[in-house]
């Protein structure tokens, strides 16, 4: 028996990195997974990896910065499976870094759009689908940058802080209607984006690798396990929480 048997779920940003690991873990635990990404090639690759392992998955294009695309994504999930039980809003894209006074308005606005507004758009359409089904569980992917700030990454940290309050506020709104809403806040995780950043900023790499009390990077699969738990009935009395999965980075 899997933790998510007979559940239907959407995972956004599932073409690579943390999103891919989440989609694979949800399918492993028995969910039928709608893999969503704006990159069709990587999204299809995730869905195929799940099917090859004996799981159930299909790819749906999703540009979560556009409301009509999010609406279509949720509608296709319901059309294929009849309902929506769980969702993980993982897709995010930071548009820039540097001193805050040097940010352009365009970069700041785009970062908010791709790291906060997109999460709200997903919830806007996921929640009605879950209400129609009598309840569900949503997990938003935040970041430890949201908990204590992050120099030279201000727009991203501010956006993810907004994800935290979006999570808590919406959890208060829908808890009595059977929808649990939580967030997972990763520390420094070994993803393609982080590896690229290490190549571009080698002096920052060693410090970030030692940022956790456990003195190592996290793996995408370790974030996925936390998401699976929060989506499952084992977390039936957990809502409105921000769970740090950071190897002790928040306490070091």
C-alpha atoms as a PDB file:
ATOM      1  CA  UNK A   1       0.000   0.000   0.000  1.00  0.00           C
ATOM      2  CA  UNK A   2       1.297   3.408  -0.980  1.00  0.00           C
ATOM      3  CA  UNK A   3       0.782   6.607   0.979  1.00  0.00           C
ATOM      4  CA  UNK A   4      -1.042   8.178  -1.969  1.00  0.00           C
ATOM      5  CA  UNK A   5      -2.972   5.222  -3.355  1.00  0.00           C
ATOM      6  CA  UNK A   6      -6.019   6.181  -5.436  1.00  0.00           C
ATOM      7  CA  UNK A   7      -5.174   9.887  -5.373  1.00  0.00           C
ATOM      8  CA  UNK A   8      -4.862  12.144  -8.411  1.00  0.00           C
ATOM      9  CA  UNK A   9      -2.247  14.864  -8.274  1.00  0.00           C
ATOM     10  CA  UNK A  10      -0.661  17.712 -10.208  1.00  0.00           C
ATOM     11  CA  UNK A  11       2.999  18.628  -9.843  1.00  0.00           C
ATOM     12  CA  UNK A  12       4.115  21.844 -11.519  1.00  0.00           C
ATOM     13  CA  UNK A  13       7.690  22.458 -12.572  1.00  0.00           C
ATOM     14  CA  UNK A  14       8.066  18.689 -12.805  1.00  0.00           C
ATOM     15  CA  UNK A  15      10.416  18.645 -15.770  1.00  0.00           C
ATOM     16  CA  UNK A  16      13.577  18.605 -13.693  1.00  0.00           C
ATOM     17  CA  UNK A  17      15.118  19.018 -10.261  1.00  0.00           C
ATOM     18  CA  UNK A  18      12.881  19.134  -7.209  1.00  0.00           C
ATOM     19  CA  UNK A  19       9.656  19.037  -9.227  1.00  0.00           C
ATOM     20  CA  UNK A  20      10.709  15.894 -11.075  1.00  0.00           C
ATOM     21  CA  UNK A  21      11.669  14.160  -7.820  1.00  0.00           C
ATOM     22  CA  UNK A  22       8.298  15.086  -6.308  1.00  0.00           C
ATOM     23  CA  UNK A  23       6.355  13.739  -9.285  1.00  0.00           C
ATOM     24  CA  UNK A  24       8.306  10.473  -9.217  1.00  0.00           C
ATOM     25  CA  UNK A  25       7.849  10.049  -5.467  1.00  0.00           C
ATOM     26  CA  UNK A  26       4.109  10.734  -5.644  1.00  0.00           C
ATOM     27  CA  UNK A  27       3.705   8.140  -8.391  1.00  0.00           C
ATOM     28  CA  UNK A  28       5.798   5.642  -6.445  1.00  0.00           C
ATOM     29  CA  UNK A  29       3.362   6.045  -3.555  1.00  0.00           C
ATOM     30  CA  UNK A  30       0.396   5.237  -5.782  1.00  0.00           C
ATOM     31  CA  UNK A  31      -0.848   8.576  -7.124  1.00  0.00           C
ATOM     32  CA  UNK A  32      -1.839   9.153 -10.719  1.00  0.00           C
ATOM     33  CA  UNK A  33       0.382  12.143 -11.503  1.00  0.00           C
ATOM     34  CA  UNK A  34      -0.234  14.935 -13.968  1.00  0.00           C
ATOM     35  CA  UNK A  35       3.270  16.171 -14.779  1.00  0.00           C
ATOM     36  CA  UNK A  36       3.197  19.851 -15.688  1.00  0.00           C
ATOM     37  CA  UNK A  37       5.986  22.006 -17.088  1.00  0.00           C
ATOM     38  CA  UNK A  38       6.501  24.659 -19.766  1.00  0.00           C
ATOM     39  CA  UNK A  39       9.289  22.523 -21.252  1.00  0.00           C
ATOM     40  CA  UNK A  40       7.528  19.746 -23.132  1.00  0.00           C
ATOM     41  CA  UNK A  41      10.670  17.659 -23.652  1.00  0.00           C
ATOM     42  CA  UNK A  42      11.683  17.484 -19.982  1.00  0.00           C
ATOM     43  CA  UNK A  43       8.094  17.162 -18.799  1.00  0.00           C
ATOM     44  CA  UNK A  44       7.467  14.214 -21.090  1.00  0.00           C
ATOM     45  CA  UNK A  45      10.729  12.668 -19.902  1.00  0.00           C
ATOM     46  CA  UNK A  46       9.508  12.798 -16.300  1.00  0.00           C
ATOM     47  CA  UNK A  47       6.175  11.238 -17.239  1.00  0.00           C
ATOM     48  CA  UNK A  48       7.937   8.499 -19.199  1.00  0.00           C
ATOM     49  CA  UNK A  49      10.280   7.763 -16.272  1.00  0.00           C
ATOM     50  CA  UNK A  50       7.227   7.267 -14.058  1.00  0.00           C
ATOM     51  CA  UNK A  51       5.488   5.014 -16.559  1.00  0.00           C
ATOM     52  CA  UNK A  52       8.667   2.968 -17.092  1.00  0.00           C
ATOM     53  CA  UNK A  53       8.776   2.340 -13.338  1.00  0.00           C
ATOM     54  CA  UNK A  54       5.199   1.062 -13.397  1.00  0.00           C
ATOM     55  CA  UNK A  55       3.484   4.263 -12.266  1.00  0.00           C
ATOM     56  CA  UNK A  56       0.685   6.278 -13.826  1.00  0.00           C
ATOM     57  CA  UNK A  57       1.543   9.661 -15.303  1.00  0.00           C
ATOM     58  CA  UNK A  58       0.699  11.979 -18.138  1.00  0.00           C
ATOM     59  CA  UNK A  59       2.253  15.241 -19.278  1.00  0.00           C
ATOM     60  CA  UNK A  60       0.247  18.465 -19.512  1.00  0.00           C
ATOM     61  CA  UNK A  61       1.824  21.677 -20.725  1.00  0.00           C
ATOM     62  CA  UNK A  62       1.649  24.365 -18.075  1.00  0.00           C
ATOM     63  CA  UNK A  63       2.973  27.916 -18.176  1.00  0.00           C
ATOM     64  CA  UNK A  64       2.060  28.893 -14.631  1.00  0.00           C
ATOM     65  CA  UNK A  65       2.752  32.566 -15.315  1.00  0.00           C
ATOM     66  CA  UNK A  66      -0.360  32.656 -17.511  1.00  0.00           C
ATOM     67  CA  UNK A  67      -3.811  32.245 -16.001  1.00  0.00           C
ATOM     68  CA  UNK A  68      -5.371  30.639 -19.058  1.00  0.00           C
ATOM     69  CA  UNK A  69      -2.626  28.008 -19.118  1.00  0.00           C
ATOM     70  CA  UNK A  70      -3.109  27.193 -15.423  1.00  0.00           C
ATOM     71  CA  UNK A  71      -6.847  26.883 -15.906  1.00  0.00           C
ATOM     72  CA  UNK A  72      -6.340  24.545 -18.871  1.00  0.00           C
ATOM     73  CA  UNK A  73      -3.844  22.468 -16.876  1.00  0.00           C
ATOM     74  CA  UNK A  74      -6.320  21.824 -14.067  1.00  0.00           C
ATOM     75  CA  UNK A  75      -9.198  21.218 -16.481  1.00  0.00           C
ATOM     76  CA  UNK A  76      -7.156  18.617 -18.381  1.00  0.00           C
ATOM     77  CA  UNK A  77      -6.264  16.848 -15.146  1.00  0.00           C
ATOM     78  CA  UNK A  78      -9.935  16.597 -14.192  1.00  0.00           C
ATOM     79  CA  UNK A  79     -10.940  15.581 -17.716  1.00  0.00           C
ATOM     80  CA  UNK A  80      -8.442  12.714 -17.677  1.00  0.00           C
ATOM     81  CA  UNK A  81      -8.932  11.521 -14.109  1.00  0.00           C
ATOM     82  CA  UNK A  82     -12.297  12.870 -12.948  1.00  0.00           C
ATOM     83  CA  UNK A  83     -11.009  14.718  -9.904  1.00  0.00           C
ATOM     84  CA  UNK A  84      -8.037  16.362  -8.173  1.00  0.00           C
ATOM     85  CA  UNK A  85      -6.899  15.246  -4.710  1.00  0.00           C
ATOM     86  CA  UNK A  86      -3.402  16.645  -4.277  1.00  0.00           C
ATOM     87  CA  UNK A  87      -1.192  19.305  -5.830  1.00  0.00           C
ATOM     88  CA  UNK A  88       2.379  20.455  -5.416  1.00  0.00           C
ATOM     89  CA  UNK A  89       3.165  23.914  -6.748  1.00  0.00           C
ATOM     90  CA  UNK A  90       6.878  23.621  -7.381  1.00  0.00           C
ATOM     91  CA  UNK A  91       7.454  25.750 -10.473  1.00  0.00           C
ATOM     92  CA  UNK A  92       9.484  28.902  -9.854  1.00  0.00           C
ATOM     93  CA  UNK A  93      12.074  30.973 -11.665  1.00  0.00           C
ATOM     94  CA  UNK A  94      14.194  33.766 -10.212  1.00  0.00           C
ATOM     95  CA  UNK A  95      14.964  36.418 -12.799  1.00  0.00           C
ATOM     96  CA  UNK A  96      18.021  38.028 -11.281  1.00  0.00           C
ATOM     97  CA  UNK A  97      20.291  38.792  -8.356  1.00  0.00           C
ATOM     98  CA  UNK A  98      22.416  41.650  -7.103  1.00  0.00           C
ATOM     99  CA  UNK A  99      22.120  44.744  -4.888  1.00  0.00           C
ATOM    100  CA  UNK A 100      18.484  45.726  -4.457  1.00  0.00           C
ATOM    101  CA  UNK A 101      19.061  49.283  -5.687  1.00  0.00           C
ATOM    102  CA  UNK A 102      20.370  47.893  -8.973  1.00  0.00           C
ATOM    103  CA  UNK A 103      17.316  45.719  -9.703  1.00  0.00           C
ATOM    104  CA  UNK A 104      15.270  46.890 -12.630  1.00  0.00           C
ATOM    105  CA  UNK A 105      11.516  47.092 -12.164  1.00  0.00           C
ATOM    106  CA  UNK A 106      11.140  44.451 -14.872  1.00  0.00           C
ATOM    107  CA  UNK A 107      13.378  41.925 -13.090  1.00  0.00           C
ATOM    108  CA  UNK A 108      11.717  42.527  -9.723  1.00  0.00           C
ATOM    109  CA  UNK A 109       8.209  42.208 -11.163  1.00  0.00           C
ATOM    110  CA  UNK A 110       9.079  39.090 -13.166  1.00  0.00           C
ATOM    111  CA  UNK A 111      10.562  37.388 -10.114  1.00  0.00           C
ATOM    112  CA  UNK A 112       7.416  38.078  -8.096  1.00  0.00           C
ATOM    113  CA  UNK A 113       5.303  36.810 -10.989  1.00  0.00           C
ATOM    114  CA  UNK A 114       7.299  33.579 -11.374  1.00  0.00           C
ATOM    115  CA  UNK A 115       7.748  32.807  -7.668  1.00  0.00           C
ATOM    116  CA  UNK A 116       4.572  34.119  -5.970  1.00  0.00           C
ATOM    117  CA  UNK A 117       1.816  35.094  -8.384  1.00  0.00           C
ATOM    118  CA  UNK A 118       2.186  31.786 -10.208  1.00  0.00           C
ATOM    119  CA  UNK A 119       1.592  29.878  -6.962  1.00  0.00           C
ATOM    120  CA  UNK A 120      -1.567  31.874  -6.302  1.00  0.00           C
ATOM    121  CA  UNK A 121      -2.786  31.226  -9.856  1.00  0.00           C
ATOM    122  CA  UNK A 122      -2.334  27.480  -9.388  1.00  0.00           C
ATOM    123  CA  UNK A 123      -4.205  27.541  -6.086  1.00  0.00           C
ATOM    124  CA  UNK A 124      -6.980  29.629  -7.632  1.00  0.00           C
ATOM    125  CA  UNK A 125      -7.886  26.707  -9.901  1.00  0.00           C
ATOM    126  CA  UNK A 126      -6.766  23.765  -7.760  1.00  0.00           C
ATOM    127  CA  UNK A 127      -8.923  24.764  -4.789  1.00  0.00           C
ATOM    128  CA  UNK A 128     -12.301  24.751  -6.603  1.00  0.00           C
ATOM    129  CA  UNK A 129     -11.456  21.343  -8.077  1.00  0.00           C
ATOM    130  CA  UNK A 130     -10.731  20.012  -4.588  1.00  0.00           C
ATOM    131  CA  UNK A 131     -13.824  21.621  -3.090  1.00  0.00           C
ATOM    132  CA  UNK A 132     -15.889  19.813  -5.712  1.00  0.00           C
ATOM    133  CA  UNK A 133     -14.260  16.574  -4.571  1.00  0.00           C
ATOM    134  CA  UNK A 134     -14.814  17.176  -0.851  1.00  0.00           C
ATOM    135  CA  UNK A 135     -11.252  18.184   0.023  1.00  0.00           C
ATOM    136  CA  UNK A 136      -7.601  17.685  -0.775  1.00  0.00           C
ATOM    137  CA  UNK A 137      -4.054  18.701   0.032  1.00  0.00           C
ATOM    138  CA  UNK A 138      -1.812  21.362  -1.490  1.00  0.00           C
ATOM    139  CA  UNK A 139       1.916  21.750  -0.883  1.00  0.00           C
ATOM    140  CA  UNK A 140       3.683  24.888  -2.061  1.00  0.00           C
ATOM    141  CA  UNK A 141       7.448  24.940  -2.487  1.00  0.00           C
ATOM    142  CA  UNK A 142       8.979  27.868  -0.635  1.00  0.00           C
ATOM    143  CA  UNK A 143      12.651  28.458   0.218  1.00  0.00           C
ATOM    144  CA  UNK A 144      14.754  29.017   3.302  1.00  0.00           C
ATOM    145  CA  UNK A 145      15.629  32.375   1.750  1.00  0.00           C
ATOM    146  CA  UNK A 146      12.117  33.382   2.829  1.00  0.00           C
ATOM    147  CA  UNK A 147      12.796  32.694   6.506  1.00  0.00           C
ATOM    148  CA  UNK A 148      15.785  34.932   7.139  1.00  0.00           C
ATOM    149  CA  UNK A 149      16.348  36.848   3.928  1.00  0.00           C
ATOM    150  CA  UNK A 150      19.163  36.377   1.463  1.00  0.00           C
ATOM    151  CA  UNK A 151      21.568  39.118   0.473  1.00  0.00           C
ATOM    152  CA  UNK A 152      21.679  39.890  -3.239  1.00  0.00           C
ATOM    153  CA  UNK A 153      18.667  37.654  -3.827  1.00  0.00           C
ATOM    154  CA  UNK A 154      16.074  40.001  -2.391  1.00  0.00           C
ATOM    155  CA  UNK A 155      13.291  39.679  -4.946  1.00  0.00           C
ATOM    156  CA  UNK A 156      13.318  35.893  -4.717  1.00  0.00           C
ATOM    157  CA  UNK A 157      13.415  35.918  -0.914  1.00  0.00           C
ATOM    158  CA  UNK A 158      10.549  38.420  -0.780  1.00  0.00           C
ATOM    159  CA  UNK A 159       8.480  36.387  -3.239  1.00  0.00           C
ATOM    160  CA  UNK A 160       8.977  33.162  -1.316  1.00  0.00           C
ATOM    161  CA  UNK A 161       8.111  34.945   1.928  1.00  0.00           C
ATOM    162  CA  UNK A 162       4.859  35.819   0.202  1.00  0.00           C
ATOM    163  CA  UNK A 163       4.363  32.125  -0.593  1.00  0.00           C
ATOM    164  CA  UNK A 164       4.605  31.395   3.131  1.00  0.00           C
ATOM    165  CA  UNK A 165       1.857  33.867   4.045  1.00  0.00           C
ATOM    166  CA  UNK A 166      -0.227  32.790   1.064  1.00  0.00           C
ATOM    167  CA  UNK A 167       0.034  29.247   2.417  1.00  0.00           C
ATOM    168  CA  UNK A 168      -0.885  30.166   5.992  1.00  0.00           C
ATOM    169  CA  UNK A 169      -3.736  32.499   5.053  1.00  0.00           C
ATOM    170  CA  UNK A 170      -5.331  30.107   2.579  1.00  0.00           C
ATOM    171  CA  UNK A 171      -4.963  27.234   5.053  1.00  0.00           C
ATOM    172  CA  UNK A 172      -7.045  29.267   7.497  1.00  0.00           C
ATOM    173  CA  UNK A 173      -9.652  29.905   4.809  1.00  0.00           C
ATOM    174  CA  UNK A 174     -10.121  26.323   3.632  1.00  0.00           C
ATOM    175  CA  UNK A 175      -9.267  24.121   6.616  1.00  0.00           C
ATOM    176  CA  UNK A 176     -12.917  23.771   7.592  1.00  0.00           C
ATOM    177  CA  UNK A 177     -13.726  22.701   4.028  1.00  0.00           C
ATOM    178  CA  UNK A 178     -11.349  19.755   3.988  1.00  0.00           C
ATOM    179  CA  UNK A 179      -8.386  21.277   2.168  1.00  0.00           C
ATOM    180  CA  UNK A 180      -5.013  21.213   3.887  1.00  0.00           C
ATOM    181  CA  UNK A 181      -2.414  23.691   2.602  1.00  0.00           C
ATOM    182  CA  UNK A 182       1.226  23.550   3.662  1.00  0.00           C
ATOM    183  CA  UNK A 183       4.625  24.535   2.305  1.00  0.00           C
ATOM    184  CA  UNK A 184       8.029  22.901   2.194  1.00  0.00           C
ATOM    185  CA  UNK A 185      10.997  25.238   2.552  1.00  0.00           C
ATOM    186  CA  UNK A 186      14.150  23.699   1.047  1.00  0.00           C
ATOM    187  CA  UNK A 187      17.671  24.630   1.992  1.00  0.00           C
ATOM    188  CA  UNK A 188      20.461  24.315  -0.567  1.00  0.00           C
ATOM    189  CA  UNK A 189      19.483  21.398  -2.795  1.00  0.00           C
ATOM    190  CA  UNK A 190      21.536  19.762  -5.532  1.00  0.00           C
ATOM    191  CA  UNK A 191      19.539  20.801  -8.600  1.00  0.00           C
ATOM    192  CA  UNK A 192      20.652  21.765 -12.121  1.00  0.00           C
ATOM    193  CA  UNK A 193      20.086  25.422 -11.220  1.00  0.00           C
ATOM    194  CA  UNK A 194      22.237  25.217  -8.102  1.00  0.00           C
ATOM    195  CA  UNK A 195      24.989  23.351  -9.931  1.00  0.00           C
ATOM    196  CA  UNK A 196      25.018  26.055 -12.590  1.00  0.00           C
ATOM    197  CA  UNK A 197      25.187  28.739  -9.906  1.00  0.00           C
ATOM    198  CA  UNK A 198      28.173  26.970  -8.324  1.00  0.00           C
ATOM    199  CA  UNK A 199      29.942  27.009 -11.689  1.00  0.00           C
ATOM    200  CA  UNK A 200      29.277  30.728 -12.119  1.00  0.00           C
ATOM    201  CA  UNK A 201      30.045  31.669  -8.498  1.00  0.00           C
ATOM    202  CA  UNK A 202      32.714  29.221  -7.272  1.00  0.00           C
ATOM    203  CA  UNK A 203      33.551  31.350  -4.220  1.00  0.00           C
ATOM    204  CA  UNK A 204      29.956  31.049  -3.016  1.00  0.00           C
ATOM    205  CA  UNK A 205      29.800  27.304  -3.553  1.00  0.00           C
ATOM    206  CA  UNK A 206      31.824  26.169  -0.548  1.00  0.00           C
ATOM    207  CA  UNK A 207      29.971  28.439   1.856  1.00  0.00           C
ATOM    208  CA  UNK A 208      26.579  27.254   0.661  1.00  0.00           C
ATOM    209  CA  UNK A 209      27.645  23.611   0.859  1.00  0.00           C
ATOM    210  CA  UNK A 210      28.511  24.170   4.512  1.00  0.00           C
ATOM    211  CA  UNK A 211      25.395  26.205   5.293  1.00  0.00           C
ATOM    212  CA  UNK A 212      23.630  23.190   6.793  1.00  0.00           C
ATOM    213  CA  UNK A 213      24.433  21.712  10.185  1.00  0.00           C
ATOM    214  CA  UNK A 214      24.781  18.407   8.357  1.00  0.00           C
ATOM    215  CA  UNK A 215      27.544  19.933   6.162  1.00  0.00           C
ATOM    216  CA  UNK A 216      26.186  18.730   2.844  1.00  0.00           C
ATOM    217  CA  UNK A 217      23.778  19.635   0.119  1.00  0.00           C
ATOM    218  CA  UNK A 218      20.270  18.251   0.165  1.00  0.00           C
ATOM    219  CA  UNK A 219      18.992  16.031  -2.610  1.00  0.00           C
ATOM    220  CA  UNK A 220      15.751  16.630  -4.546  1.00  0.00           C
ATOM    221  CA  UNK A 221      14.451  13.274  -3.332  1.00  0.00           C
ATOM    222  CA  UNK A 222      14.674  14.487   0.275  1.00  0.00           C
ATOM    223  CA  UNK A 223      12.321  17.358  -0.520  1.00  0.00           C
ATOM    224  CA  UNK A 224      10.025  14.925  -2.318  1.00  0.00           C
ATOM    225  CA  UNK A 225       9.653  12.731   0.756  1.00  0.00           C
ATOM    226  CA  UNK A 226       8.435  15.697   2.808  1.00  0.00           C
ATOM    227  CA  UNK A 227       5.922  16.609   0.108  1.00  0.00           C
ATOM    228  CA  UNK A 228       4.590  13.042  -0.041  1.00  0.00           C
ATOM    229  CA  UNK A 229       4.057  13.053   3.719  1.00  0.00           C
ATOM    230  CA  UNK A 230       2.193  16.374   3.679  1.00  0.00           C
ATOM    231  CA  UNK A 231      -0.005  15.201   0.805  1.00  0.00           C
ATOM    232  CA  UNK A 232      -0.815  11.924   2.551  1.00  0.00           C
ATOM    233  CA  UNK A 233      -3.419  11.088   5.159  1.00  0.00           C
ATOM    234  CA  UNK A 234      -0.597  10.660   7.676  1.00  0.00           C
ATOM    235  CA  UNK A 235      -0.533  14.473   7.807  1.00  0.00           C
ATOM    236  CA  UNK A 236      -4.308  14.671   8.278  1.00  0.00           C
ATOM    237  CA  UNK A 237      -4.060  17.201  11.139  1.00  0.00           C
ATOM    238  CA  UNK A 238      -1.293  19.314   9.594  1.00  0.00           C
ATOM    239  CA  UNK A 239      -2.147  22.537   7.792  1.00  0.00           C
ATOM    240  CA  UNK A 240      -0.794  26.057   7.534  1.00  0.00           C
ATOM    241  CA  UNK A 241       2.762  24.898   8.251  1.00  0.00           C
ATOM    242  CA  UNK A 242       6.101  25.780   6.678  1.00  0.00           C
ATOM    243  CA  UNK A 243       8.339  22.710   6.931  1.00  0.00           C
ATOM    244  CA  UNK A 244      12.058  23.424   6.522  1.00  0.00           C
ATOM    245  CA  UNK A 245      13.981  20.612   4.860  1.00  0.00           C
ATOM    246  CA  UNK A 246      17.449  22.062   5.079  1.00  0.00           C
ATOM    247  CA  UNK A 247      19.796  19.777   6.983  1.00  0.00           C
ATOM    248  CA  UNK A 248      19.707  22.130   9.944  1.00  0.00           C
ATOM    249  CA  UNK A 249      20.547  25.255   7.960  1.00  0.00           C
ATOM    250  CA  UNK A 250      17.995  27.321   9.866  1.00  0.00           C
ATOM    251  CA  UNK A 251      19.613  26.529  13.209  1.00  0.00           C
ATOM    252  CA  UNK A 252      23.306  26.675  12.324  1.00  0.00           C
END
